[in-house]
PDB file of N, CA and C in Angstrom:
ATOM      1  N   MET A   1       0.839  -1.175   0.000  1.00  0.00           N
ATOM      2  CA  MET A   1       0.000   0.000   0.000  1.00  0.00           C
ATOM      3  C   MET A   1       0.888   1.244   0.000  1.00  0.00           C
ATOM      4  N   ALA A   2       0.569   2.173  -0.874  1.00  0.00           N
ATOM      5  CA  ALA A   2       1.366   3.389  -1.011  1.00  0.00           C
ATOM      6  C   ALA A   2       1.024   4.390   0.092  1.00  0.00           C
ATOM      7  N   ALA A   3       2.048   5.083   0.554  1.00  0.00           N
ATOM      8  CA  ALA A   3       1.848   6.109   1.576  1.00  0.00           C
ATOM      9  C   ALA A   3       1.262   7.361   0.936  1.00  0.00           C
ATOM     10  N   ALA A   4       0.488   8.098   1.702  1.00  0.00           N
ATOM     11  CA  ALA A   4      -0.089   9.347   1.202  1.00  0.00           C
ATOM     12  C   ALA A   4       1.025  10.358   0.960  1.00  0.00           C
ATOM     13  N   ARG A   5       0.928  11.053  -0.146  1.00  0.00           N
ATOM     14  CA  ARG A   5       1.931  12.043  -0.516  1.00  0.00           C
ATOM     15  C   ARG A   5       1.572  13.391   0.097  1.00  0.00           C
ATOM     16  N   THR A   6       2.540  14.036   0.699  1.00  0.00           N
ATOM     17  CA  THR A   6       2.326  15.343   1.306  1.00  0.00           C
ATOM     18  C   THR A   6       2.240  16.409   0.216  1.00  0.00           C
ATOM     19  N   VAL A   7       1.231  17.251   0.299  1.00  0.00           N
ATOM     20  CA  VAL A   7       1.060  18.346  -0.657  1.00  0.00           C
ATOM     21  C   VAL A   7       1.472  19.643   0.035  1.00  0.00           C
ATOM     22  N   TYR A   8       2.495  20.272  -0.504  1.00  0.00           N
ATOM     23  CA  TYR A   8       2.964  21.537   0.051  1.00  0.00           C
ATOM     24  C   TYR A   8       2.304  22.684  -0.696  1.00  0.00           C
ATOM     25  N   MET A   9       1.930  23.711   0.053  1.00  0.00           N
ATOM     26  CA  MET A   9       1.282  24.885  -0.514  1.00  0.00           C
ATOM     27  C   MET A   9       2.063  26.123  -0.096  1.00  0.00           C
ATOM     28  N   ALA A  10       1.958  27.168  -0.889  1.00  0.00           N
ATOM     29  CA  ALA A  10       2.667  28.416  -0.596  1.00  0.00           C
ATOM     30  C   ALA A  10       1.670  29.540  -0.390  1.00  0.00           C
ATOM     31  N   CYS A  11       1.978  30.391   0.554  1.00  0.00           N
ATOM     32  CA  CYS A  11       1.121  31.535   0.861  1.00  0.00           C
ATOM     33  C   CYS A  11       1.212  32.568  -0.267  1.00  0.00           C
ATOM     34  N   LYS A  12       0.054  33.080  -0.675  1.00  0.00           N
ATOM     35  CA  LYS A  12       0.016  34.091  -1.733  1.00  0.00           C
ATOM     36  C   LYS A  12       0.513  35.448  -1.239  1.00  0.00           C
ATOM     37  N   SER A  13       0.534  35.657   0.080  1.00  0.00           N
ATOM     38  CA  SER A  13       0.963  36.935   0.630  1.00  0.00           C
ATOM     39  C   SER A  13       2.445  36.971   0.980  1.00  0.00           C
ATOM     40  N   CYS A  14       2.913  35.939   1.722  1.00  0.00           N
ATOM     41  CA  CYS A  14       4.298  35.987   2.226  1.00  0.00           C
ATOM     42  C   CYS A  14       5.208  34.897   1.656  1.00  0.00           C
ATOM     43  N   ASN A  15       4.681  34.021   0.791  1.00  0.00           N
ATOM     44  CA  ASN A  15       5.432  32.948   0.117  1.00  0.00           C
ATOM     45  C   ASN A  15       5.874  31.806   1.037  1.00  0.00           C
ATOM     46  N   PHE A  16       5.454  31.806   2.298  1.00  0.00           N
ATOM     47  CA  PHE A  16       5.829  30.744   3.229  1.00  0.00           C
ATOM     48  C   PHE A  16       5.233  29.418   2.764  1.00  0.00           C
ATOM     49  N   ILE A  17       6.027  28.342   2.808  1.00  0.00           N
ATOM     50  CA  ILE A  17       5.559  27.014   2.388  1.00  0.00           C
ATOM     51  C   ILE A  17       5.045  26.252   3.602  1.00  0.00           C
ATOM     52  N   THR A  18       3.842  25.683   3.442  1.00  0.00           N
ATOM     53  CA  THR A  18       3.172  24.966   4.514  1.00  0.00           C
ATOM     54  C   THR A  18       2.334  23.830   3.939  1.00  0.00           C
ATOM     55  N   GLU A  19       1.829  22.960   4.795  1.00  0.00           N
ATOM     56  CA  GLU A  19       0.906  21.904   4.383  1.00  0.00           C
ATOM     57  C   GLU A  19      -0.544  22.338   4.617  1.00  0.00           C
ATOM     58  N   GLN A  20      -0.747  23.494   5.200  1.00  0.00           N
ATOM     59  CA  GLN A  20      -2.073  23.968   5.576  1.00  0.00           C
ATOM     60  C   GLN A  20      -2.716  24.822   4.489  1.00  0.00           C
ATOM     61  N   THR A  21      -4.037  24.964   4.538  1.00  0.00           N
ATOM     62  CA  THR A  21      -4.753  25.769   3.547  1.00  0.00           C
ATOM     63  C   THR A  21      -4.765  27.251   3.909  1.00  0.00           C
ATOM     64  N   VAL A  22      -4.402  27.564   5.150  1.00  0.00           N
ATOM     65  CA  VAL A  22      -4.259  28.957   5.604  1.00  0.00           C
ATOM     66  C   VAL A  22      -2.848  29.104   6.155  1.00  0.00           C
ATOM     67  N   CYS A  23      -2.171  30.165   5.788  1.00  0.00           N
ATOM     68  CA  CYS A  23      -0.792  30.385   6.219  1.00  0.00           C
ATOM     69  C   CYS A  23      -0.702  30.560   7.740  1.00  0.00           C
ATOM     70  N   PRO A  24       0.153  29.763   8.403  1.00  0.00           N
ATOM     71  CA  PRO A  24       0.313  29.918   9.852  1.00  0.00           C
ATOM     72  C   PRO A  24       1.098  31.174  10.244  1.00  0.00           C
ATOM     73  N   ARG A  25       1.816  31.768   9.295  1.00  0.00           N
ATOM     74  CA  ARG A  25       2.597  32.975   9.574  1.00  0.00           C
ATOM     75  C   ARG A  25       1.766  34.241   9.498  1.00  0.00           C
ATOM     76  N   CYS A  26       1.010  34.398   8.401  1.00  0.00           N
ATOM     77  CA  CYS A  26       0.300  35.672   8.202  1.00  0.00           C
ATOM     78  C   CYS A  26      -1.211  35.521   8.079  1.00  0.00           C
ATOM     79  N   GLY A  27      -1.700  34.287   7.996  1.00  0.00           N
ATOM     80  CA  GLY A  27      -3.137  34.060   7.871  1.00  0.00           C
ATOM     81  C   GLY A  27      -3.655  34.183   6.453  1.00  0.00           C
ATOM     82  N   GLY A  28      -2.738  34.326   5.486  1.00  0.00           N
ATOM     83  CA  GLY A  28      -3.131  34.482   4.085  1.00  0.00           C
ATOM     84  C   GLY A  28      -3.568  33.182   3.428  1.00  0.00           C
ATOM     85  N   GLU A  29      -4.132  33.301   2.252  1.00  0.00           N
ATOM     86  CA  GLU A  29      -4.577  32.162   1.450  1.00  0.00           C
ATOM     87  C   GLU A  29      -3.371  31.450   0.855  1.00  0.00           C
ATOM     88  N   THR A  30      -3.417  30.114   0.774  1.00  0.00           N
ATOM     89  CA  THR A  30      -2.326  29.352   0.173  1.00  0.00           C
ATOM     90  C   THR A  30      -2.774  28.728  -1.138  1.00  0.00           C
ATOM     91  N   THR A  31      -1.805  28.354  -1.960  1.00  0.00           N
ATOM     92  CA  THR A  31      -2.068  27.758  -3.258  1.00  0.00           C
ATOM     93  C   THR A  31      -1.063  26.649  -3.548  1.00  0.00           C
ATOM     94  N   LYS A  32      -1.468  25.704  -4.405  1.00  0.00           N
ATOM     95  CA  LYS A  32      -0.565  24.637  -4.850  1.00  0.00           C
ATOM     96  C   LYS A  32       0.286  25.097  -6.035  1.00  0.00           C
ATOM     97  N   ASP A  33      -0.035  26.256  -6.589  1.00  0.00           N
ATOM     98  CA  ASP A  33       0.619  26.760  -7.796  1.00  0.00           C
ATOM     99  C   ASP A  33       1.812  27.651  -7.437  1.00  0.00           C
ATOM    100  N   TRP A  34       2.960  27.019  -7.195  1.00  0.00           N
ATOM    101  CA  TRP A  34       4.180  27.746  -6.846  1.00  0.00           C
ATOM    102  C   TRP A  34       5.385  27.022  -7.428  1.00  0.00           C
ATOM    103  N   GLN A  35       6.516  27.723  -7.535  1.00  0.00           N
ATOM    104  CA  GLN A  35       7.735  27.140  -8.096  1.00  0.00           C
ATOM    105  C   GLN A  35       8.947  27.551  -7.283  1.00  0.00           C
ATOM    106  N   GLY A  36       9.903  26.643  -7.180  1.00  0.00           N
ATOM    107  CA  GLY A  36      11.171  26.907  -6.520  1.00  0.00           C
ATOM    108  C   GLY A  36      11.020  27.136  -5.032  1.00  0.00           C
ATOM    109  N   MET A  37      12.066  26.815  -4.294  1.00  0.00           N
ATOM    110  CA  MET A  37      12.025  27.067  -2.856  1.00  0.00           C
ATOM    111  C   MET A  37      13.387  27.459  -2.346  1.00  0.00           C
ATOM    112  N   VAL A  38      13.363  28.210  -1.256  1.00  0.00           N
ATOM    113  CA  VAL A  38      14.588  28.629  -0.593  1.00  0.00           C
ATOM    114  C   VAL A  38      14.370  28.442   0.908  1.00  0.00           C
ATOM    115  N   ALA A  39      15.376  27.899   1.575  1.00  0.00           N
ATOM    116  CA  ALA A  39      15.320  27.728   3.030  1.00  0.00           C
ATOM    117  C   ALA A  39      16.183  28.816   3.663  1.00  0.00           C
ATOM    118  N   ILE A  40      15.579  29.596   4.530  1.00  0.00           N
ATOM    119  CA  ILE A  40      16.278  30.684   5.208  1.00  0.00           C
ATOM    120  C   ILE A  40      16.558  30.253   6.643  1.00  0.00           C
ATOM    121  N   ALA A  41      17.847  30.171   6.996  1.00  0.00           N
ATOM    122  CA  ALA A  41      18.252  29.744   8.337  1.00  0.00           C
ATOM    123  C   ALA A  41      18.537  30.935   9.252  1.00  0.00           C
ATOM    124  N   ASP A  42      18.990  32.047   8.669  1.00  0.00           N
ATOM    125  CA  ASP A  42      19.282  33.244   9.468  1.00  0.00           C
ATOM    126  C   ASP A  42      18.891  34.466   8.632  1.00  0.00           C
ATOM    127  N   PHE A  43      17.637  34.876   8.754  1.00  0.00           N
ATOM    128  CA  PHE A  43      17.124  35.945   7.893  1.00  0.00           C
ATOM    129  C   PHE A  43      17.841  37.277   8.104  1.00  0.00           C
ATOM    130  N   GLU A  44      18.396  37.496   9.270  1.00  0.00           N
ATOM    131  CA  GLU A  44      19.080  38.769   9.537  1.00  0.00           C
ATOM    132  C   GLU A  44      20.378  38.907   8.754  1.00  0.00           C
ATOM    133  N   LYS A  45      21.035  37.783   8.437  1.00  0.00           N
ATOM    134  CA  LYS A  45      22.301  37.816   7.699  1.00  0.00           C
ATOM    135  C   LYS A  45      22.140  37.455   6.216  1.00  0.00           C
ATOM    136  N   SER A  46      20.966  37.008   5.816  1.00  0.00           N
ATOM    137  CA  SER A  46      20.738  36.524   4.460  1.00  0.00           C
ATOM    138  C   SER A  46      20.421  37.658   3.485  1.00  0.00           C
ATOM    139  N   ASP A  47      21.227  37.771   2.441  1.00  0.00           N
ATOM    140  CA  ASP A  47      20.954  38.760   1.393  1.00  0.00           C
ATOM    141  C   ASP A  47      19.694  38.384   0.613  1.00  0.00           C
ATOM    142  N   ILE A  48      19.466  37.096   0.414  1.00  0.00           N
ATOM    143  CA  ILE A  48      18.269  36.630  -0.304  1.00  0.00           C
ATOM    144  C   ILE A  48      17.018  37.002   0.489  1.00  0.00           C
ATOM    145  N   ALA A  49      17.055  36.784   1.811  1.00  0.00           N
ATOM    146  CA  ALA A  49      15.909  37.139   2.657  1.00  0.00           C
ATOM    147  C   ALA A  49      15.629  38.632   2.578  1.00  0.00           C
ATOM    148  N   LYS A  50      16.660  39.443   2.599  1.00  0.00           N
ATOM    149  CA  LYS A  50      16.474  40.892   2.502  1.00  0.00           C
ATOM    150  C   LYS A  50      15.849  41.267   1.160  1.00  0.00           C
ATOM    151  N   LYS A  51      16.316  40.656   0.089  1.00  0.00           N
ATOM    152  CA  LYS A  51      15.814  40.949  -1.251  1.00  0.00           C
ATOM    153  C   LYS A  51      14.346  40.538  -1.407  1.00  0.00           C
ATOM    154  N   MET A  52      13.969  39.408  -0.750  1.00  0.00           N
ATOM    155  CA  MET A  52      12.596  38.908  -0.834  1.00  0.00           C
ATOM    156  C   MET A  52      11.678  39.522   0.223  1.00  0.00           C
ATOM    157  N   GLY A  53      12.236  40.284   1.166  1.00  0.00           N
ATOM    158  CA  GLY A  53      11.431  40.893   2.217  1.00  0.00           C
ATOM    159  C   GLY A  53      11.032  39.908   3.310  1.00  0.00           C
ATOM    160  N   ILE A  54      11.837  38.863   3.522  1.00  0.00           N
ATOM    161  CA  ILE A  54      11.548  37.832   4.513  1.00  0.00           C
ATOM    162  C   ILE A  54      12.059  38.284   5.876  1.00  0.00           C
ATOM    163  N   THR A  55      11.188  38.160   6.896  1.00  0.00           N
ATOM    164  CA  THR A  55      11.549  38.625   8.232  1.00  0.00           C
ATOM    165  C   THR A  55      11.479  37.509   9.279  1.00  0.00           C
ATOM    166  N   ALA A  56      11.493  36.239   8.823  1.00  0.00           N
ATOM    167  CA  ALA A  56      11.492  35.097   9.744  1.00  0.00           C
ATOM    168  C   ALA A  56      12.130  33.909   9.045  1.00  0.00           C
ATOM    169  N   ASN A  57      12.807  33.051   9.803  1.00  0.00           N
ATOM    170  CA  ASN A  57      13.403  31.853   9.231  1.00  0.00           C
ATOM    171  C   ASN A  57      12.320  30.884   8.778  1.00  0.00           C
ATOM    172  N   GLY A  58      12.625  30.074   7.774  1.00  0.00           N
ATOM    173  CA  GLY A  58      11.666  29.091   7.280  1.00  0.00           C
ATOM    174  C   GLY A  58      11.928  28.762   5.825  1.00  0.00           C
ATOM    175  N   THR A  59      10.982  28.064   5.212  1.00  0.00           N
ATOM    176  CA  THR A  59      11.070  27.667   3.808  1.00  0.00           C
ATOM    177  C   THR A  59      10.053  28.478   3.013  1.00  0.00           C
ATOM    178  N   TYR A  60      10.512  29.090   1.925  1.00  0.00           N
ATOM    179  CA  TYR A  60       9.682  29.992   1.141  1.00  0.00           C
ATOM    180  C   TYR A  60       9.721  29.629  -0.342  1.00  0.00           C
ATOM    181  N   ALA A  61       8.612  29.893  -1.031  1.00  0.00           N
ATOM    182  CA  ALA A  61       8.536  29.698  -2.474  1.00  0.00           C
ATOM    183  C   ALA A  61       9.160  30.902  -3.177  1.00  0.00           C
ATOM    184  N   LEU A  62       9.816  30.643  -4.292  1.00  0.00           N
ATOM    185  CA  LEU A  62      10.400  31.734  -5.070  1.00  0.00           C
ATOM    186  C   LEU A  62       9.361  32.433  -5.936  1.00  0.00           C
ATOM    187  N   LYS A  63       8.385  31.652  -6.445  1.00  0.00           N
ATOM    188  CA  LYS A  63       7.351  32.218  -7.310  1.00  0.00           C
ATOM    189  C   LYS A  63       6.004  31.619  -6.930  1.00  0.00           C
ATOM    190  N   VAL A  64       5.028  32.454  -6.637  1.00  0.00           N
ATOM    191  CA  VAL A  64       3.676  32.013  -6.280  1.00  0.00           C
ATOM    192  C   VAL A  64       2.705  32.670  -7.228  1.00  0.00           C
ATOM    193  N   ARG A  65       1.770  31.874  -7.741  1.00  0.00           N
ATOM    194  CA  ARG A  65       0.760  32.411  -8.667  1.00  0.00           C
ATOM    195  C   ARG A  65      -0.586  32.500  -7.994  1.00  0.00           C
TER     196      ARG A  65
END
């Protein structure tokens, strides 16, 4: 028997990746339509986090539709 596959969704507001239908970070709507991901371990030192406007560590989508 095959195990259930986890479906990851990205928030349309903050790009945070989650398994939930509502973003746990900002409460925004999530979607399955996203591409690429980046993991931020230290947002204060990360140039990518600064460029994307990320203010918390976590996993984020690069492009959300």
